[in-house]
Amino acid sequence: MSLESVRKYFQENGLTDLHILETDASTATVELAAKAHGVAPALIAKTMAFGLKDRNILIVVRGDARIDNRKFKDCFHEKASMLSPEKVLETTGHAVGGVCPFGLRNPMDIYLDVSMKEFEVVYPAAGSANSAVKITPDRLQEVTGGVWVDVCK
């Protein structure tokens, strides 16, 4: 279902340049996704869901990056608090392992870490644990309406 919501999102928004890459292998973790797509782990754009006092947000970061708690707090004025897998599914419509910033069940603010800007392309998931989209960071920002932030180590 989640993969279908991404397909529908691309179709409804005329995003004909974006193609979902499906594999037989699992892409549920950065390491598995990198192996399945034959790229360095850093190129996997992982999407993480956080709860703030007044809303839930998504942050997309390069695969080998970690959230820097100080930078997160400086940016959002709150401590970083990741959503539980159940809350992620309920909020985004995507299960952990396939969470992406496309075809969301509920509108969410999307943030993109500047760490991805050094790459020509990145590979965010496409709603399932065996899919991705090859996309430039600038196009990812255009498609998601994401806001660039600096929240990683």
N, C-alpha and C. Protein backbone atom coordinates (compact mmCIF):
# COMPACT_ATOMS: atom_id res chain seq x y z
N MET A 1 0.83 -1.20 0.00
CA MET A 1 0.00 0.00 0.00
C MET A 1 0.87 1.26 0.00
N SER A 2 1.89 1.29 0.80
CA SER A 2 2.73 2.47 0.91
C SER A 2 3.45 2.78 -0.40
N LEU A 3 3.97 1.75 -1.04
CA LEU A 3 4.61 1.92 -2.35
C LEU A 3 3.61 2.49 -3.34
N GLU A 4 2.38 2.02 -3.27
CA GLU A 4 1.33 2.52 -4.16
C GLU A 4 1.02 3.99 -3.88
N SER A 5 1.10 4.42 -2.63
CA SER A 5 0.84 5.84 -2.32
C SER A 5 1.94 6.72 -2.93
N VAL A 6 3.16 6.21 -2.99
CA VAL A 6 4.25 6.95 -3.62
C VAL A 6 4.02 7.03 -5.13
N ARG A 7 3.66 5.90 -5.74
CA ARG A 7 3.35 5.90 -7.18
C ARG A 7 2.24 6.89 -7.50
N LYS A 8 1.20 6.87 -6.68
CA LYS A 8 0.06 7.77 -6.88
C LYS A 8 0.50 9.23 -6.72
N TYR A 9 1.32 9.51 -5.72
CA TYR A 9 1.83 10.86 -5.49
C TYR A 9 2.61 11.35 -6.70
N PHE A 10 3.49 10.52 -7.24
CA PHE A 10 4.28 10.90 -8.41
C PHE A 10 3.36 11.16 -9.60
N GLN A 11 2.39 10.28 -9.80
CA GLN A 11 1.48 10.42 -10.94
C GLN A 11 0.62 11.67 -10.81
N GLU A 12 0.02 11.88 -9.65
CA GLU A 12 -0.87 13.03 -9.44
C GLU A 12 -0.14 14.37 -9.52
N ASN A 13 1.16 14.35 -9.25
CA ASN A 13 1.94 15.59 -9.26
C ASN A 13 2.78 15.75 -10.53
N GLY A 14 2.52 14.89 -11.52
CA GLY A 14 3.22 15.00 -12.80
C GLY A 14 4.71 14.80 -12.71
N LEU A 15 5.14 13.98 -11.77
CA LEU A 15 6.58 13.76 -11.56
C LEU A 15 7.05 12.59 -12.42
N THR A 16 6.91 12.77 -13.73
CA THR A 16 7.23 11.70 -14.68
C THR A 16 8.73 11.42 -14.77
N ASP A 17 9.56 12.33 -14.27
CA ASP A 17 11.01 12.12 -14.29
C ASP A 17 11.49 11.22 -13.16
N LEU A 18 10.61 10.95 -12.20
CA LEU A 18 11.00 10.12 -11.06
C LEU A 18 10.53 8.68 -11.27
N HIS A 19 11.46 7.77 -11.13
CA HIS A 19 11.16 6.36 -11.34
C HIS A 19 11.51 5.57 -10.09
N ILE A 20 10.59 4.73 -9.67
CA ILE A 20 10.82 3.90 -8.49
C ILE A 20 11.68 2.71 -8.89
N LEU A 21 12.75 2.52 -8.15
CA LEU A 21 13.64 1.38 -8.36
C LEU A 21 13.26 0.30 -7.35
N GLU A 22 12.78 -0.83 -7.84
CA GLU A 22 12.42 -1.93 -6.96
C GLU A 22 13.46 -3.03 -7.08
N THR A 23 13.78 -3.66 -5.97
CA THR A 23 14.75 -4.74 -5.95
C THR A 23 14.12 -5.97 -5.31
N ASP A 24 14.72 -7.12 -5.58
CA ASP A 24 14.30 -8.33 -4.89
C ASP A 24 14.87 -8.36 -3.48
N ALA A 25 15.98 -7.67 -3.30
CA ALA A 25 16.65 -7.62 -2.00
C ALA A 25 16.02 -6.55 -1.11
N SER A 26 16.11 -6.75 0.18
CA SER A 26 15.62 -5.77 1.13
C SER A 26 16.48 -4.50 1.10
N THR A 27 15.83 -3.37 1.23
CA THR A 27 16.52 -2.08 1.35
C THR A 27 16.12 -1.40 2.65
N ALA A 28 15.76 -2.21 3.64
CA ALA A 28 15.20 -1.70 4.90
C ALA A 28 16.20 -0.96 5.78
N THR A 29 17.51 -1.17 5.55
CA THR A 29 18.52 -0.43 6.31
C THR A 29 19.44 0.26 5.31
N VAL A 30 20.21 1.19 5.78
CA VAL A 30 21.16 1.89 4.90
C VAL A 30 22.11 0.90 4.25
N GLU A 31 22.65 -0.02 5.04
CA GLU A 31 23.61 -0.98 4.52
C GLU A 31 22.98 -1.87 3.45
N LEU A 32 21.78 -2.38 3.72
CA LEU A 32 21.10 -3.23 2.74
C LEU A 32 20.74 -2.46 1.48
N ALA A 33 20.29 -1.23 1.64
CA ALA A 33 19.91 -0.41 0.49
C ALA A 33 21.14 -0.11 -0.37
N ALA A 34 22.25 0.22 0.27
CA ALA A 34 23.48 0.51 -0.47
C ALA A 34 23.91 -0.71 -1.29
N LYS A 35 23.85 -1.87 -0.67
CA LYS A 35 24.24 -3.10 -1.36
C LYS A 35 23.27 -3.39 -2.52
N ALA A 36 21.98 -3.26 -2.27
CA ALA A 36 20.97 -3.56 -3.30
C ALA A 36 21.08 -2.63 -4.50
N HIS A 37 21.43 -1.37 -4.27
CA HIS A 37 21.51 -0.39 -5.36
C HIS A 37 22.94 -0.18 -5.86
N GLY A 38 23.89 -0.87 -5.25
CA GLY A 38 25.27 -0.79 -5.70
C GLY A 38 25.91 0.58 -5.53
N VAL A 39 25.58 1.22 -4.41
CA VAL A 39 26.12 2.56 -4.15
C VAL A 39 26.71 2.61 -2.73
N ALA A 40 27.45 3.66 -2.45
CA ALA A 40 28.01 3.86 -1.11
C ALA A 40 26.89 4.15 -0.11
N PRO A 41 27.01 3.68 1.13
CA PRO A 41 25.98 3.95 2.13
C PRO A 41 25.63 5.43 2.28
N ALA A 42 26.59 6.32 2.10
CA ALA A 42 26.33 7.76 2.25
C ALA A 42 25.26 8.24 1.27
N LEU A 43 25.14 7.60 0.12
CA LEU A 43 24.18 8.03 -0.90
C LEU A 43 22.74 7.62 -0.61
N ILE A 44 22.55 6.76 0.37
CA ILE A 44 21.19 6.39 0.76
C ILE A 44 20.64 7.53 1.62
N ALA A 45 19.54 8.11 1.18
CA ALA A 45 18.93 9.22 1.93
C ALA A 45 17.91 8.65 2.90
N LYS A 46 18.30 8.59 4.17
CA LYS A 46 17.39 8.00 5.15
C LYS A 46 16.44 9.07 5.69
N THR A 47 15.19 8.67 5.84
CA THR A 47 14.14 9.57 6.31
C THR A 47 13.77 9.17 7.73
N MET A 48 13.89 10.12 8.64
CA MET A 48 13.60 9.86 10.05
C MET A 48 12.45 10.76 10.52
N ALA A 49 11.60 10.19 11.36
CA ALA A 49 10.44 10.92 11.88
C ALA A 49 10.67 11.32 13.33
N PHE A 50 10.41 12.58 13.62
CA PHE A 50 10.58 13.12 14.96
C PHE A 50 9.29 13.79 15.42
N GLY A 51 9.07 13.73 16.72
CA GLY A 51 7.94 14.42 17.32
C GLY A 51 8.40 15.69 18.00
N LEU A 52 7.75 16.79 17.65
CA LEU A 52 7.96 18.06 18.34
C LEU A 52 6.73 18.31 19.19
N LYS A 53 6.76 19.30 20.04
CA LYS A 53 5.62 19.58 20.92
C LYS A 53 4.33 19.80 20.14
N ASP A 54 4.43 20.49 18.99
CA ASP A 54 3.22 20.87 18.27
C ASP A 54 3.01 20.13 16.95
N ARG A 55 3.95 19.24 16.56
CA ARG A 55 3.81 18.56 15.26
C ARG A 55 4.86 17.48 15.12
N ASN A 56 4.63 16.63 14.14
CA ASN A 56 5.62 15.63 13.76
C ASN A 56 6.29 16.10 12.48
N ILE A 57 7.56 15.79 12.35
CA ILE A 57 8.33 16.22 11.19
C ILE A 57 9.14 15.05 10.62
N LEU A 58 9.57 15.21 9.38
CA LEU A 58 10.49 14.28 8.76
C LEU A 58 11.79 15.01 8.47
N ILE A 59 12.89 14.31 8.71
CA ILE A 59 14.20 14.84 8.35
C ILE A 59 14.88 13.80 7.47
N VAL A 60 15.34 14.22 6.30
CA VAL A 60 16.04 13.34 5.37
C VAL A 60 17.52 13.69 5.44
N VAL A 61 18.35 12.67 5.68
CA VAL A 61 19.79 12.87 5.84
C VAL A 61 20.56 11.83 5.03
N ARG A 62 21.82 12.09 4.78
CA ARG A 62 22.66 11.11 4.08
C ARG A 62 22.78 9.86 4.93
N GLY A 63 23.00 8.74 4.27
CA GLY A 63 22.95 7.45 4.95
C GLY A 63 23.94 7.23 6.06
N ASP A 64 25.09 7.87 6.00
CA ASP A 64 26.10 7.65 7.03
C ASP A 64 26.11 8.77 8.08
N ALA A 65 25.11 9.62 8.06
CA ALA A 65 25.04 10.74 9.01
C ALA A 65 24.23 10.35 10.25
N ARG A 66 24.53 11.06 11.31
CA ARG A 66 23.78 10.90 12.56
C ARG A 66 23.28 12.28 12.98
N ILE A 67 22.13 12.30 13.62
CA ILE A 67 21.60 13.56 14.13
C ILE A 67 22.51 14.07 15.26
N ASP A 68 22.85 15.33 15.20
CA ASP A 68 23.62 16.00 16.24
C ASP A 68 22.59 16.65 17.17
N ASN A 69 22.51 16.17 18.40
CA ASN A 69 21.47 16.66 19.32
C ASN A 69 21.54 18.16 19.56
N ARG A 70 22.74 18.73 19.65
CA ARG A 70 22.88 20.17 19.87
C ARG A 70 22.36 20.95 18.66
N LYS A 71 22.75 20.51 17.45
CA LYS A 71 22.28 21.19 16.24
C LYS A 71 20.77 21.07 16.10
N PHE A 72 20.22 19.89 16.44
CA PHE A 72 18.77 19.69 16.36
C PHE A 72 18.08 20.68 17.30
N LYS A 73 18.56 20.75 18.53
CA LYS A 73 17.94 21.65 19.52
C LYS A 73 18.08 23.12 19.10
N ASP A 74 19.22 23.48 18.55
CA ASP A 74 19.41 24.85 18.07
C ASP A 74 18.44 25.18 16.94
N CYS A 75 18.18 24.20 16.09
CA CYS A 75 17.30 24.41 14.94
C CYS A 75 15.82 24.42 15.32
N PHE A 76 15.41 23.44 16.14
CA PHE A 76 13.98 23.27 16.44
C PHE A 76 13.58 23.71 17.85
N HIS A 77 14.55 24.12 18.66
CA HIS A 77 14.31 24.61 20.02
C HIS A 77 13.67 23.56 20.92
N GLU A 78 13.95 22.30 20.58
CA GLU A 78 13.48 21.17 21.38
C GLU A 78 14.48 20.04 21.27
N LYS A 79 14.41 19.13 22.22
CA LYS A 79 15.24 17.94 22.20
C LYS A 79 14.72 16.99 21.10
N ALA A 80 15.64 16.31 20.42
CA ALA A 80 15.26 15.34 19.39
C ALA A 80 14.55 14.16 20.03
N SER A 81 13.38 13.83 19.51
CA SER A 81 12.61 12.69 20.00
C SER A 81 12.03 11.94 18.81
N MET A 82 12.63 10.78 18.50
CA MET A 82 12.16 10.01 17.36
C MET A 82 10.82 9.35 17.68
N LEU A 83 9.98 9.23 16.65
CA LEU A 83 8.70 8.57 16.81
C LEU A 83 8.90 7.06 16.87
N SER A 84 8.01 6.37 17.57
CA SER A 84 8.04 4.91 17.62
C SER A 84 7.67 4.37 16.23
N PRO A 85 8.06 3.14 15.92
CA PRO A 85 7.69 2.55 14.63
C PRO A 85 6.17 2.58 14.38
N GLU A 86 5.39 2.35 15.41
CA GLU A 86 3.93 2.37 15.27
C GLU A 86 3.43 3.77 14.92
N LYS A 87 3.99 4.78 15.59
CA LYS A 87 3.59 6.17 15.33
C LYS A 87 4.06 6.62 13.95
N VAL A 88 5.23 6.14 13.52
CA VAL A 88 5.74 6.46 12.17
C VAL A 88 4.75 5.95 11.13
N LEU A 89 4.33 4.69 11.26
CA LEU A 89 3.38 4.11 10.31
C LEU A 89 2.05 4.86 10.34
N GLU A 90 1.56 5.14 11.53
CA GLU A 90 0.29 5.86 11.68
C GLU A 90 0.35 7.26 11.05
N THR A 91 1.46 7.95 11.25
CA THR A 91 1.59 9.33 10.79
C THR A 91 1.91 9.44 9.31
N THR A 92 2.87 8.63 8.83
CA THR A 92 3.33 8.75 7.45
C THR A 92 2.62 7.83 6.47
N GLY A 93 2.12 6.70 6.98
CA GLY A 93 1.57 5.67 6.10
C GLY A 93 2.64 4.73 5.59
N HIS A 94 3.88 4.95 5.99
CA HIS A 94 5.01 4.11 5.59
C HIS A 94 5.59 3.41 6.81
N ALA A 95 5.88 2.12 6.67
CA ALA A 95 6.51 1.38 7.75
C ALA A 95 8.01 1.69 7.79
N VAL A 96 8.59 1.57 8.98
CA VAL A 96 10.03 1.74 9.12
C VAL A 96 10.71 0.78 8.16
N GLY A 97 11.71 1.27 7.46
CA GLY A 97 12.38 0.49 6.42
C GLY A 97 11.98 0.97 5.04
N GLY A 98 10.85 1.69 4.96
CA GLY A 98 10.40 2.24 3.69
C GLY A 98 9.94 3.68 3.82
N VAL A 99 10.23 4.28 4.98
CA VAL A 99 9.79 5.66 5.23
C VAL A 99 10.47 6.59 4.24
N CYS A 100 9.66 7.46 3.65
CA CYS A 100 10.16 8.42 2.67
C CYS A 100 9.33 9.69 2.73
N PRO A 101 9.78 10.74 2.09
CA PRO A 101 9.05 12.02 2.13
C PRO A 101 8.00 12.17 1.03
N PHE A 102 7.60 11.06 0.40
CA PHE A 102 6.63 11.09 -0.70
C PHE A 102 5.37 10.31 -0.32
N GLY A 103 4.23 10.73 -0.84
CA GLY A 103 3.00 9.98 -0.67
C GLY A 103 2.62 9.77 0.78
N LEU A 104 2.72 10.81 1.57
CA LEU A 104 2.46 10.71 3.00
C LEU A 104 0.98 10.65 3.32
N ARG A 105 0.63 9.89 4.35
CA ARG A 105 -0.76 9.79 4.80
C ARG A 105 -1.26 11.14 5.31
N ASN A 106 -0.40 11.86 6.02
CA ASN A 106 -0.75 13.17 6.58
C ASN A 106 0.29 14.19 6.14
N PRO A 107 -0.11 15.43 5.89
CA PRO A 107 0.88 16.45 5.55
C PRO A 107 1.86 16.63 6.70
N MET A 108 3.14 16.73 6.37
CA MET A 108 4.17 16.91 7.39
C MET A 108 5.21 17.89 6.87
N ASP A 109 5.81 18.63 7.78
CA ASP A 109 6.94 19.46 7.40
C ASP A 109 8.12 18.55 7.15
N ILE A 110 8.83 18.82 6.06
CA ILE A 110 9.97 18.00 5.67
C ILE A 110 11.22 18.87 5.68
N TYR A 111 12.26 18.33 6.30
CA TYR A 111 13.54 19.01 6.38
C TYR A 111 14.60 18.13 5.73
N LEU A 112 15.52 18.76 5.04
CA LEU A 112 16.58 18.06 4.33
C LEU A 112 17.92 18.52 4.89
N ASP A 113 18.72 17.59 5.36
CA ASP A 113 20.01 17.99 5.92
C ASP A 113 20.97 18.36 4.80
N VAL A 114 21.70 19.44 5.02
CA VAL A 114 22.64 19.96 4.03
C VAL A 114 23.74 18.95 3.69
N SER A 115 23.89 17.92 4.50
CA SER A 115 24.92 16.91 4.26
C SER A 115 24.72 16.21 2.91
N MET A 116 23.50 16.22 2.40
CA MET A 116 23.23 15.55 1.11
C MET A 116 23.65 16.38 -0.09
N LYS A 117 23.87 17.68 0.11
CA LYS A 117 24.17 18.58 -1.01
C LYS A 117 25.49 18.27 -1.71
N GLU A 118 26.38 17.53 -1.07
CA GLU A 118 27.66 17.24 -1.71
C GLU A 118 27.56 16.15 -2.77
N PHE A 119 26.40 15.50 -2.88
CA PHE A 119 26.24 14.41 -3.84
C PHE A 119 25.45 14.84 -5.07
N GLU A 120 25.76 14.22 -6.20
CA GLU A 120 25.00 14.47 -7.42
C GLU A 120 23.61 13.86 -7.31
N VAL A 121 23.52 12.65 -6.76
CA VAL A 121 22.24 11.98 -6.56
C VAL A 121 22.23 11.29 -5.21
N VAL A 122 21.03 11.10 -4.69
CA VAL A 122 20.81 10.33 -3.46
C VAL A 122 19.66 9.37 -3.72
N TYR A 123 19.49 8.41 -2.81
CA TYR A 123 18.49 7.36 -2.99
C TYR A 123 17.59 7.26 -1.76
N PRO A 124 16.53 8.06 -1.68
CA PRO A 124 15.57 7.88 -0.59
C PRO A 124 14.68 6.67 -0.89
N ALA A 125 14.11 6.09 0.14
CA ALA A 125 13.17 4.98 -0.03
C ALA A 125 11.94 5.48 -0.80
N ALA A 126 11.14 4.53 -1.25
CA ALA A 126 9.93 4.88 -2.00
C ALA A 126 8.71 4.18 -1.40
N GLY A 127 8.68 4.04 -0.08
CA GLY A 127 7.49 3.55 0.57
C GLY A 127 7.48 2.08 0.93
N SER A 128 8.51 1.34 0.54
CA SER A 128 8.57 -0.08 0.90
C SER A 128 10.00 -0.45 1.25
N ALA A 129 10.17 -1.64 1.80
CA ALA A 129 11.49 -2.10 2.23
C ALA A 129 12.28 -2.74 1.09
N ASN A 130 11.91 -2.44 -0.14
CA ASN A 130 12.70 -2.90 -1.29
C ASN A 130 12.61 -1.92 -2.46
N SER A 131 12.52 -0.61 -2.14
CA SER A 131 12.38 0.38 -3.20
C SER A 131 13.15 1.66 -2.86
N ALA A 132 13.42 2.42 -3.92
CA ALA A 132 14.09 3.71 -3.76
C ALA A 132 13.82 4.56 -4.99
N VAL A 133 14.22 5.81 -4.90
CA VAL A 133 14.14 6.74 -6.02
C VAL A 133 15.51 7.38 -6.16
N LYS A 134 16.05 7.39 -7.35
CA LYS A 134 17.32 8.06 -7.63
C LYS A 134 16.98 9.50 -7.98
N ILE A 135 17.51 10.46 -7.20
CA ILE A 135 17.09 11.85 -7.34
C ILE A 135 18.23 12.78 -6.92
N THR A 136 18.31 13.95 -7.55
CA THR A 136 19.31 14.93 -7.11
C THR A 136 18.80 15.59 -5.83
N PRO A 137 19.69 16.04 -4.98
CA PRO A 137 19.24 16.74 -3.77
C PRO A 137 18.37 17.96 -4.08
N ASP A 138 18.70 18.73 -5.11
CA ASP A 138 17.88 19.89 -5.45
C ASP A 138 16.48 19.47 -5.89
N ARG A 139 16.40 18.41 -6.66
CA ARG A 139 15.08 17.92 -7.12
C ARG A 139 14.30 17.37 -5.93
N LEU A 140 14.97 16.74 -4.99
CA LEU A 140 14.32 16.25 -3.78
C LEU A 140 13.69 17.42 -3.03
N GLN A 141 14.42 18.52 -2.96
CA GLN A 141 13.88 19.71 -2.29
C GLN A 141 12.68 20.25 -3.04
N GLU A 142 12.75 20.31 -4.36
CA GLU A 142 11.62 20.80 -5.17
C GLU A 142 10.38 19.94 -4.98
N VAL A 143 10.57 18.63 -5.05
CA VAL A 143 9.45 17.68 -5.01
C VAL A 143 8.78 17.66 -3.63
N THR A 144 9.58 17.78 -2.57
CA THR A 144 9.03 17.68 -1.22
C THR A 144 8.68 19.01 -0.60
N GLY A 145 9.19 20.10 -1.16
CA GLY A 145 9.02 21.40 -0.52
C GLY A 145 9.85 21.47 0.76
N GLY A 146 10.83 20.59 0.85
CA GLY A 146 11.66 20.52 2.06
C GLY A 146 12.48 21.77 2.31
N VAL A 147 12.81 21.97 3.56
CA VAL A 147 13.61 23.11 4.00
C VAL A 147 14.98 22.58 4.39
N TRP A 148 16.03 23.20 3.86
CA TRP A 148 17.40 22.79 4.18
C TRP A 148 17.73 23.19 5.59
N VAL A 149 18.29 22.24 6.35
CA VAL A 149 18.75 22.48 7.72
C VAL A 149 20.12 21.82 7.90
N ASP A 150 20.80 22.17 8.98
CA ASP A 150 22.08 21.56 9.31
C ASP A 150 21.92 20.94 10.69
N VAL A 151 21.56 19.65 10.75
CA VAL A 151 21.29 19.00 12.02
C VAL A 151 22.09 17.70 12.22
N CYS A 152 23.08 17.46 11.37
CA CYS A 152 23.85 16.22 11.49
C CYS A 152 25.29 16.47 11.92
N LYS A 153 25.89 15.43 12.48
CA LYS A 153 27.31 15.45 12.87
C LYS A 153 28.16 15.37 11.62
